Amino acid sequence: MRKRLFAGLAVLLLSAAPTLAQTHAFTGAHIIPIDGPEIENGTLIIEDGRIVDVGPAGQVDVPRRAERHDVKGMVIMPGLVDTHSHIGDGSGADRSAPIQPDVRVMDSINPRDSGFQKAQSGGVTTANIMPGSGHLLSGQTLYVKYRDADIIDDLLILDEDGNWLGGIKMANGTNPRGASPFPGTRAKAAALVRAEYIKAREYGEKKATAAEAGEDTPPINLGYEALLDAMSGKKVVHHHTHRHDDILTVLRLAEEFGFRVVLQHVSDAWKVADEIAASGAWVSLISVDSPGGKLEAMDNHFKSGRMLERAGAKVGFHTDDGITDSRFFLRQAALAVRAGMSREKALYGMTMAGAEMIDLDERVGSLTPGKDADFIILSGDPLSVYTHVQETWIDGVRVFDRSNEEDRKYALGGYGASNDQAMHLHHIELEAGQ
């Protein structure tokens, strides 16, 4: 009886004791914090999913409780932020109308798609998953962490009130043109967008007037609510655009209706770099390194990064996965540097710039104490073609380890790395005569 009493008391004391923090110390690496100078022999401390300290060896105290990781000869930098991806096979608007802001890509993403693991192997930790560009407005985008997930909730990034975060996807140029009700010309495309925003603004004014008078407000219109979020600046508009004249059309619409915009793709950015810089709009570039595509993207050039940097524009990068495989995302920065963009701005464009474009710069994008512990460990310089991502950490959890056989499969694309959607018949054995 006495033994049982002591045993029960011990269990009670253990359960009441505070859980020890999950603390990790990474020592000996060349650290690229993004928010400051590179550190030749650095130490990174993370605890409970947050960055606690980072700095030169000898200037950072390593807690006794920390699990030590000797990463001498490696490079550590923040996790990459992809501002435009289609991983998870998400869908948006259908062909019933060219503008459908009530549609949410979140309602169609498959979180068990192998693309997420492939992206982890490329060092991508945060992304903006978008519906397609076949509409003037194809729906609401979703900001995610590439955590290991079984359900969509595992990927969500939430604000302080528990709301999921995302933007609005728009497009112009060739993609959304077509037979009625889709626009047949570029001018009609802009006219349709303008008309829809005006309707949303009028809806908002009626709501405000009714509320002020104590009257019943108009029935909820989810599409107009989303457009009001865009015009108020609550949601960022991520706008697919390529040709120089289409780019300027987007800037006119943004100025007219007050929405914050990220110019996505922007093949002709180098032609209108000064105009983009003057507008204050963000630019998210893609260096498509495979031939083919559409005529409006024929003047896409690696020098856009250099031209935009010189003009003073704000520049980041994206994959548009599966147009460009997330495993090769760092190639975007390398190609931009080869064409004259500074190393500093190119690496900033892969991390902090993307975080700023999706309003997450206070949480991700740099190795700043207090931010989420999202980082990658590389075998060498991030701009070298010989460098591989060795480990990817999200919220202080290692989600990719190249030394692990299964993880390495996603990095290299071996058998079984991409057939998660295939139909399989397992363990069916038929004996003779059955």
Protein backbone atom coordinates (compact mmCIF):
# COMPACT_ATOMS: atom_id res chain seq x y z
CA MET A 1 0.00 0.00 0.00
CA ARG A 2 2.86 2.36 0.93
CA LYS A 3 4.70 1.62 -2.33
CA ARG A 4 1.57 2.41 -4.31
CA LEU A 5 1.18 5.71 -2.42
CA PHE A 6 4.76 6.79 -3.15
CA ALA A 7 4.44 5.73 -6.78
CA GLY A 8 1.25 7.74 -7.18
CA LEU A 9 2.88 10.77 -5.56
CA ALA A 10 5.88 10.52 -7.90
CA VAL A 11 3.63 10.44 -10.96
CA LEU A 12 1.74 13.47 -9.66
CA LEU A 13 4.95 15.45 -9.10
CA LEU A 14 6.30 14.56 -12.52
CA SER A 15 3.09 15.56 -14.25
CA ALA A 16 3.04 18.87 -12.35
CA ALA A 17 6.67 19.71 -13.23
CA PRO A 18 7.19 22.08 -16.17
CA THR A 19 8.18 20.43 -19.44
CA LEU A 20 11.81 21.06 -20.35
CA ALA A 21 12.17 23.37 -23.33
CA GLN A 22 13.22 21.89 -26.65
CA THR A 23 16.52 23.75 -27.05
CA HIS A 24 19.00 23.23 -29.89
CA ALA A 25 22.40 24.79 -30.49
CA PHE A 26 23.99 24.78 -33.95
CA THR A 27 27.68 25.56 -33.84
CA GLY A 28 30.51 26.13 -36.29
CA ALA A 29 28.46 27.08 -39.35
CA HIS A 30 28.81 30.00 -41.71
CA ILE A 31 25.59 31.87 -40.90
CA ILE A 32 23.71 34.17 -43.27
CA PRO A 33 21.19 35.93 -40.99
CA ILE A 34 19.87 38.25 -43.78
CA ASP A 35 19.21 41.03 -41.25
CA GLY A 36 22.93 41.60 -40.74
CA PRO A 37 26.46 40.70 -41.93
CA GLU A 38 27.33 37.07 -42.63
CA ILE A 39 29.03 35.29 -39.72
CA GLU A 40 32.02 33.11 -40.54
CA ASN A 41 31.98 30.87 -37.46
CA GLY A 42 28.56 31.27 -35.91
CA THR A 43 26.19 29.78 -33.38
CA LEU A 44 22.41 29.60 -33.64
CA ILE A 45 20.24 28.87 -30.60
CA ILE A 46 16.58 27.90 -30.92
CA GLU A 47 14.09 27.05 -28.20
CA ASP A 48 10.47 25.96 -28.36
CA GLY A 49 10.17 26.82 -32.04
CA ARG A 50 11.73 30.28 -31.76
CA ILE A 51 15.14 31.76 -32.49
CA VAL A 52 16.74 32.73 -29.19
CA ASP A 53 20.19 33.95 -30.22
CA VAL A 54 22.56 34.06 -33.16
CA GLY A 55 26.09 35.40 -33.45
CA PRO A 56 29.82 34.63 -33.66
CA ALA A 57 31.20 31.71 -31.68
CA GLY A 58 32.26 32.86 -28.23
CA GLN A 59 29.67 35.64 -28.18
CA VAL A 60 26.66 33.34 -27.85
CA ASP A 61 26.03 31.40 -24.64
CA VAL A 62 25.01 27.81 -25.29
CA PRO A 63 22.53 26.63 -22.64
CA ARG A 64 23.51 23.43 -20.82
CA ARG A 65 20.17 21.85 -21.66
CA ALA A 66 20.65 22.41 -25.40
CA GLU A 67 21.03 19.54 -27.82
CA ARG A 68 24.22 20.40 -29.70
CA HIS A 69 24.58 20.11 -33.47
CA ASP A 70 28.09 20.41 -34.88
CA VAL A 71 27.58 21.91 -38.34
CA LYS A 72 31.13 23.04 -39.03
CA GLY A 73 31.68 23.53 -42.76
CA MET A 74 27.96 24.02 -43.38
CA VAL A 75 25.92 27.17 -44.11
CA ILE A 76 22.82 28.20 -42.18
CA MET A 77 20.31 30.71 -43.53
CA PRO A 78 16.60 31.42 -43.06
CA GLY A 79 14.06 29.13 -44.68
CA LEU A 80 13.10 30.22 -48.18
CA VAL A 81 9.82 32.04 -48.76
CA ASP A 82 8.00 31.24 -52.01
CA THR A 83 5.42 33.91 -52.85
CA HIS A 84 3.73 31.94 -55.63
CA SER A 85 3.19 28.19 -55.66
CA HIS A 86 0.55 25.69 -56.75
CA ILE A 87 1.69 22.77 -54.62
CA GLY A 88 -1.12 20.59 -53.31
CA ASP A 89 -3.06 20.59 -56.57
CA GLY A 90 -5.35 23.36 -55.36
CA SER A 91 -8.04 24.75 -57.63
CA GLY A 92 -9.87 28.07 -57.71
CA ALA A 93 -12.64 29.61 -59.78
CA ASP A 94 -14.55 27.67 -62.46
CA ARG A 95 -15.63 28.82 -65.94
CA SER A 96 -18.91 30.36 -64.83
CA ALA A 97 -17.45 33.86 -64.45
CA PRO A 98 -14.10 35.64 -64.86
CA ILE A 99 -14.13 37.20 -61.36
CA GLN A 100 -14.83 34.95 -58.35
CA PRO A 101 -13.34 36.45 -55.15
CA ASP A 102 -15.46 34.26 -52.87
CA VAL A 103 -13.53 31.11 -53.89
CA ARG A 104 -10.84 29.90 -51.45
CA VAL A 105 -7.93 27.76 -52.62
CA MET A 106 -7.77 26.41 -49.05
CA ASP A 107 -10.88 24.36 -49.76
CA SER A 108 -9.12 22.35 -52.46
CA ILE A 109 -5.52 21.79 -51.33
CA ASN A 110 -4.34 18.22 -50.75
CA PRO A 111 -1.92 18.51 -47.78
CA ARG A 112 -0.62 14.97 -48.38
CA ASP A 113 0.69 15.78 -51.84
CA SER A 114 4.34 14.76 -52.23
CA GLY A 115 5.10 18.24 -53.54
CA PHE A 116 5.29 19.46 -49.96
CA GLN A 117 8.10 17.05 -49.14
CA LYS A 118 9.92 18.00 -52.34
CA ALA A 119 9.66 21.66 -51.40
CA GLN A 120 11.11 20.88 -47.97
CA SER A 121 14.10 19.29 -49.67
CA GLY A 122 14.61 22.54 -51.58
CA GLY A 123 14.69 24.59 -48.41
CA VAL A 124 11.26 26.21 -48.83
CA THR A 125 9.58 26.70 -45.45
CA THR A 126 6.84 29.28 -46.13
CA ALA A 127 4.72 29.78 -49.24
CA ASN A 128 1.76 31.49 -50.79
CA ILE A 129 -0.36 28.81 -52.46
CA MET A 130 -2.54 30.28 -55.19
CA PRO A 131 -5.33 29.29 -57.54
CA GLY A 132 -4.58 29.53 -61.27
CA SER A 133 -4.32 32.51 -63.62
CA GLY A 134 -7.09 31.63 -66.08
CA HIS A 135 -9.40 34.23 -64.51
CA LEU A 136 -9.23 37.95 -63.86
CA LEU A 137 -9.69 36.98 -60.22
CA SER A 138 -9.57 33.29 -59.39
CA GLY A 139 -9.97 33.43 -55.63
CA GLN A 140 -8.25 33.79 -52.29
CA THR A 141 -4.73 32.51 -51.75
CA LEU A 142 -3.38 30.74 -48.65
CA TYR A 143 -0.18 31.42 -46.71
CA VAL A 144 1.28 28.19 -45.33
CA LYS A 145 4.22 26.63 -43.54
CA TYR A 146 5.50 23.49 -45.26
CA ARG A 147 5.14 21.41 -42.13
CA ASP A 148 4.53 17.66 -42.30
CA ALA A 149 0.75 17.58 -42.55
CA ASP A 150 -2.21 15.23 -42.67
CA ILE A 151 -4.92 17.89 -42.79
CA ILE A 152 -4.94 21.44 -44.14
CA ASP A 153 -5.07 22.88 -40.60
CA ASP A 154 -1.52 21.61 -40.05
CA LEU A 155 -0.25 24.00 -42.75
CA LEU A 156 -2.11 27.16 -41.81
CA ILE A 157 -0.46 30.34 -40.56
CA LEU A 158 -2.80 32.06 -38.13
CA ASP A 159 -3.00 35.64 -36.89
CA GLU A 160 -3.40 36.62 -33.24
CA ASP A 161 -7.16 36.07 -33.47
CA GLY A 162 -6.80 32.57 -34.92
CA ASN A 163 -7.73 33.54 -38.49
CA TRP A 164 -5.95 31.92 -41.40
CA LEU A 165 -3.85 34.25 -43.57
CA GLY A 166 -3.89 34.69 -47.33
CA GLY A 167 -4.25 37.14 -50.19
CA ILE A 168 -6.20 37.65 -53.43
CA LYS A 169 -5.14 36.19 -56.79
CA MET A 170 -5.67 38.27 -59.93
CA ALA A 171 -4.38 38.06 -63.49
CA ASN A 172 -4.34 39.92 -66.78
CA GLY A 173 -2.85 39.45 -70.23
CA THR A 174 -3.37 36.29 -72.26
CA ASN A 175 -4.48 33.79 -69.63
CA PRO A 176 -7.91 35.18 -68.60
CA ARG A 177 -9.02 36.11 -72.12
CA GLY A 178 -11.69 34.01 -73.84
CA ALA A 179 -15.27 33.78 -75.00
CA SER A 180 -17.96 35.69 -73.08
CA PRO A 181 -18.33 36.09 -70.12
CA PHE A 182 -14.54 36.21 -70.19
CA PRO A 183 -12.93 39.31 -71.76
CA GLY A 184 -11.94 39.24 -75.40
CA THR A 185 -9.49 42.13 -75.15
CA ARG A 186 -7.07 43.64 -72.64
CA ALA A 187 -9.22 46.77 -72.38
CA LYS A 188 -12.34 44.75 -71.59
CA ALA A 189 -10.40 42.82 -68.94
CA ALA A 190 -9.56 46.05 -67.12
CA ALA A 191 -13.15 47.30 -67.51
CA LEU A 192 -14.58 44.15 -65.91
CA VAL A 193 -12.19 44.39 -62.97
CA ARG A 194 -12.95 48.08 -62.49
CA ALA A 195 -16.70 47.46 -62.51
CA GLU A 196 -16.47 44.69 -59.92
CA TYR A 197 -14.38 46.77 -57.53
CA ILE A 198 -16.86 49.65 -57.85
CA LYS A 199 -19.74 47.30 -56.97
CA ALA A 200 -17.83 46.08 -53.93
CA ARG A 201 -17.11 49.64 -52.83
CA GLU A 202 -20.80 50.56 -53.16
CA TYR A 203 -21.73 47.43 -51.16
CA GLY A 204 -19.32 48.54 -48.42
CA GLU A 205 -20.79 52.04 -48.38
CA LYS A 206 -24.33 50.64 -48.02
CA LYS A 207 -23.21 48.47 -45.11
CA ALA A 208 -21.58 51.43 -43.38
CA THR A 209 -24.58 53.70 -43.93
CA ALA A 210 -27.03 51.08 -42.65
CA ALA A 211 -24.93 50.36 -39.59
CA GLU A 212 -24.64 54.06 -38.77
CA ALA A 213 -28.41 54.48 -39.08
CA GLY A 214 -29.12 51.36 -37.03
CA GLU A 215 -30.81 49.70 -39.99
CA ASP A 216 -30.46 46.18 -41.40
CA THR A 217 -27.30 45.82 -43.46
CA PRO A 218 -27.35 44.28 -46.95
CA PRO A 219 -27.13 40.47 -47.16
CA ILE A 220 -23.55 39.24 -46.84
CA ASN A 221 -21.74 38.98 -50.17
CA LEU A 222 -18.60 36.92 -49.64
CA GLY A 223 -17.04 38.06 -52.91
CA TYR A 224 -17.49 41.74 -52.13
CA GLU A 225 -16.21 41.17 -48.60
CA ALA A 226 -12.98 39.80 -50.08
CA LEU A 227 -12.64 42.80 -52.41
CA LEU A 228 -13.22 45.15 -49.48
CA ASP A 229 -10.39 43.35 -47.68
CA ALA A 230 -8.21 44.09 -50.71
CA MET A 231 -9.19 47.76 -50.91
CA SER A 232 -8.66 48.25 -47.17
CA GLY A 233 -5.20 46.68 -47.40
CA LYS A 234 -6.12 43.73 -45.19
CA LYS A 235 -5.38 41.27 -48.00
CA VAL A 236 -2.57 41.71 -50.53
CA VAL A 237 -3.41 41.31 -54.23
CA HIS A 238 -1.01 38.92 -55.96
CA HIS A 239 -1.29 39.82 -59.62
CA HIS A 240 -0.15 37.58 -62.48
CA THR A 241 1.15 39.88 -65.24
CA HIS A 242 3.82 39.68 -67.94
CA ARG A 243 3.83 42.35 -70.65
CA HIS A 244 5.00 45.91 -69.91
CA ASP A 245 1.63 47.44 -70.81
CA ASP A 246 -0.22 44.90 -68.67
CA ILE A 247 2.08 45.73 -65.75
CA LEU A 248 1.19 49.41 -65.99
CA THR A 249 -2.52 48.54 -66.17
CA VAL A 250 -2.19 46.70 -62.87
CA LEU A 251 -0.49 49.72 -61.30
CA ARG A 252 -3.30 52.00 -62.50
CA LEU A 253 -5.94 49.72 -60.99
CA ALA A 254 -4.02 49.46 -57.71
CA GLU A 255 -3.80 53.24 -57.46
CA GLU A 256 -7.47 53.69 -58.35
CA PHE A 257 -8.80 51.23 -55.79
CA GLY A 258 -6.09 51.45 -53.17
CA PHE A 259 -5.10 47.80 -53.02
CA ARG A 260 -1.59 46.68 -52.14
CA VAL A 261 -0.13 44.63 -54.97
CA VAL A 262 2.63 42.13 -55.61
CA LEU A 263 3.43 41.92 -59.31
CA GLN A 264 3.91 38.22 -60.04
CA HIS A 265 6.10 36.90 -62.91
CA VAL A 266 6.61 40.32 -64.54
CA SER A 267 8.53 39.12 -67.61
CA ASP A 268 8.92 42.67 -68.91
CA ALA A 269 9.89 44.16 -65.54
CA TRP A 270 13.21 45.38 -66.92
CA LYS A 271 11.34 47.53 -69.46
CA VAL A 272 9.35 49.45 -66.83
CA ALA A 273 11.64 49.19 -63.79
CA ASP A 274 11.47 52.92 -62.99
CA GLU A 275 7.67 52.97 -63.14
CA ILE A 276 7.42 49.94 -60.87
CA ALA A 277 9.84 51.45 -58.37
CA ALA A 278 7.93 54.76 -58.34
CA SER A 279 4.66 52.93 -57.59
CA GLY A 280 6.05 51.22 -54.49
CA ALA A 281 4.70 47.86 -55.66
CA TRP A 282 6.49 44.64 -54.80
CA VAL A 283 7.84 42.45 -57.62
CA SER A 284 8.08 38.66 -57.43
CA LEU A 285 10.20 37.35 -60.29
CA ILE A 286 10.51 33.93 -61.85
CA SER A 287 13.49 32.99 -63.97
CA VAL A 288 11.89 30.33 -66.14
CA ASP A 289 14.89 28.32 -67.29
CA SER A 290 13.07 26.02 -69.71
CA PRO A 291 12.06 27.04 -73.25
CA GLY A 292 8.51 27.45 -74.45
CA GLY A 293 5.56 29.18 -72.89
CA LYS A 294 3.52 32.13 -74.10
CA LEU A 295 4.42 34.96 -76.45
CA GLU A 296 3.81 37.64 -73.82
CA ALA A 297 6.68 36.14 -71.79
CA MET A 298 9.12 36.06 -74.70
CA ASP A 299 11.16 39.01 -73.33
CA ASN A 300 11.61 37.50 -69.88
CA HIS A 301 15.22 38.21 -68.92
CA PHE A 302 17.50 37.37 -66.01
CA LYS A 303 18.55 41.05 -65.88
CA SER A 304 15.17 42.09 -64.42
CA GLY A 305 16.54 41.66 -60.88
CA ARG A 306 19.49 43.92 -61.63
CA MET A 307 17.37 46.56 -63.35
CA LEU A 308 14.79 46.61 -60.56
CA GLU A 309 17.47 46.78 -57.86
CA ARG A 310 19.09 49.76 -59.56
CA ALA A 311 15.72 51.48 -59.87
CA GLY A 312 15.09 50.99 -56.15
CA ALA A 313 12.19 48.57 -56.53
CA LYS A 314 11.37 45.87 -53.98
CA VAL A 315 12.20 42.45 -55.42
CA GLY A 316 11.60 38.84 -54.47
CA PHE A 317 11.30 35.49 -56.24
CA HIS A 318 8.90 32.57 -56.63
CA THR A 319 8.69 29.10 -58.17
CA ASP A 320 5.16 28.92 -59.60
CA ASP A 321 5.64 25.23 -58.76
CA GLY A 322 5.18 23.09 -60.86
CA ILE A 323 6.43 25.55 -63.53
CA THR A 324 9.73 25.56 -61.65
CA ASP A 325 10.45 22.76 -59.19
CA SER A 326 10.68 23.99 -55.59
CA ARG A 327 13.76 21.82 -55.13
CA PHE A 328 15.64 24.27 -57.35
CA PHE A 329 14.30 27.51 -55.88
CA LEU A 330 17.76 28.82 -54.93
CA ARG A 331 18.59 28.79 -58.63
CA GLN A 332 16.39 31.88 -59.01
CA ALA A 333 18.76 33.95 -56.89
CA ALA A 334 21.84 32.47 -58.55
CA LEU A 335 20.63 33.36 -62.05
CA ALA A 336 19.76 36.89 -60.94
CA VAL A 337 23.24 37.37 -59.48
CA ARG A 338 24.83 36.01 -62.64
CA ALA A 339 22.94 38.72 -64.55
CA GLY A 340 24.22 41.48 -62.27
CA MET A 341 21.95 41.59 -59.22
CA SER A 342 23.83 41.95 -55.92
CA ARG A 343 24.28 38.85 -53.79
CA GLU A 344 22.83 40.66 -50.78
CA LYS A 345 19.60 41.67 -52.54
CA ALA A 346 19.21 38.29 -54.24
CA LEU A 347 19.40 36.39 -50.94
CA TYR A 348 17.12 39.00 -49.36
CA GLY A 349 14.72 38.34 -52.25
CA MET A 350 14.60 34.64 -51.39
CA THR A 351 13.78 35.25 -47.76
CA MET A 352 12.84 38.62 -46.22
CA ALA A 353 11.37 40.10 -49.40
CA GLY A 354 8.97 37.18 -49.72
CA ALA A 355 8.07 37.46 -46.03
CA GLU A 356 7.25 41.15 -46.49
CA MET A 357 5.10 40.43 -49.54
CA ILE A 358 2.83 38.18 -47.48
CA ASP A 359 2.91 40.28 -44.30
CA LEU A 360 4.95 37.74 -42.34
CA ASP A 361 8.19 39.69 -41.99
CA GLU A 362 7.82 39.87 -38.20
CA ARG A 363 7.77 36.07 -38.03
CA VAL A 364 9.96 34.66 -40.83
CA GLY A 365 12.57 35.66 -43.40
CA SER A 366 15.62 36.29 -41.21
CA LEU A 367 17.47 34.70 -38.30
CA THR A 368 16.30 37.38 -35.90
CA PRO A 369 15.84 36.45 -32.22
CA GLY A 370 12.14 36.13 -31.49
CA LYS A 371 11.19 34.94 -34.97
CA ASP A 372 10.00 31.45 -35.86
CA ALA A 373 12.81 28.89 -35.99
CA ASP A 374 12.55 28.35 -39.76
CA PHE A 375 15.99 27.77 -41.27
CA ILE A 376 17.98 25.55 -43.58
CA ILE A 377 21.40 23.93 -43.35
CA LEU A 378 23.31 23.85 -46.64
CA SER A 379 26.40 21.94 -47.71
CA GLY A 380 27.95 25.11 -49.15
CA ASP A 381 27.28 28.53 -50.58
CA PRO A 382 23.56 28.95 -51.40
CA LEU A 383 24.33 30.25 -54.90
CA SER A 384 26.56 27.35 -55.91
CA VAL A 385 25.21 24.69 -58.25
CA TYR A 386 27.11 22.12 -56.19
CA THR A 387 25.31 22.98 -52.94
CA HIS A 388 22.58 20.79 -51.46
CA VAL A 389 20.07 21.44 -48.70
CA GLN A 390 21.07 19.08 -45.91
CA GLU A 391 18.35 19.88 -43.39
CA THR A 392 15.18 21.99 -43.26
CA TRP A 393 13.68 23.12 -39.96
CA ILE A 394 10.23 24.67 -39.47
CA ASP A 395 9.05 26.00 -36.11
CA GLY A 396 12.05 24.31 -34.52
CA VAL A 397 11.20 20.90 -35.97
CA ARG A 398 13.39 19.16 -38.54
CA VAL A 399 11.15 18.28 -41.48
CA PHE A 400 13.86 17.27 -43.97
CA ASP A 401 17.14 15.44 -43.45
CA ARG A 402 19.13 14.53 -46.56
CA SER A 403 20.97 11.80 -44.67
CA ASN A 404 17.64 10.04 -44.15
CA GLU A 405 16.97 7.58 -46.98
CA GLU A 406 13.27 8.45 -47.31
CA ASP A 407 13.89 12.20 -47.23
CA ARG A 408 16.72 11.88 -49.73
CA LYS A 409 14.29 10.17 -52.10
CA TYR A 410 12.25 13.37 -52.29
CA ALA A 411 15.38 15.42 -52.93
CA LEU A 412 16.60 13.18 -55.75
CA GLY A 413 13.24 12.09 -57.15
CA GLY A 414 13.81 8.34 -56.84
CA TYR A 415 11.16 5.65 -57.26
CA GLY A 416 8.07 6.34 -55.20
CA ALA A 417 8.86 10.00 -54.53
CA SER A 418 6.01 11.29 -56.65
CA ASN A 419 3.47 8.50 -56.98
CA ASP A 420 1.54 9.29 -53.79
CA GLN A 421 -1.61 9.91 -55.83
CA ALA A 422 -1.43 6.61 -57.71
CA MET A 423 -3.80 3.76 -56.91
CA HIS A 424 -2.11 0.88 -55.16
CA LEU A 425 -3.24 -2.62 -54.22
CA HIS A 426 -1.22 -3.78 -51.24
CA HIS A 427 -0.77 -7.25 -49.79
CA ILE A 428 -3.26 -9.01 -52.03
CA GLU A 429 -2.15 -12.58 -52.44
CA LEU A 430 -4.24 -15.08 -54.36
CA GLU A 431 -3.41 -18.72 -53.96
CA ALA A 432 -3.96 -21.21 -56.73
CA GLY A 433 -7.53 -22.38 -56.92
CA GLN A 434 -8.99 -19.28 -55.21
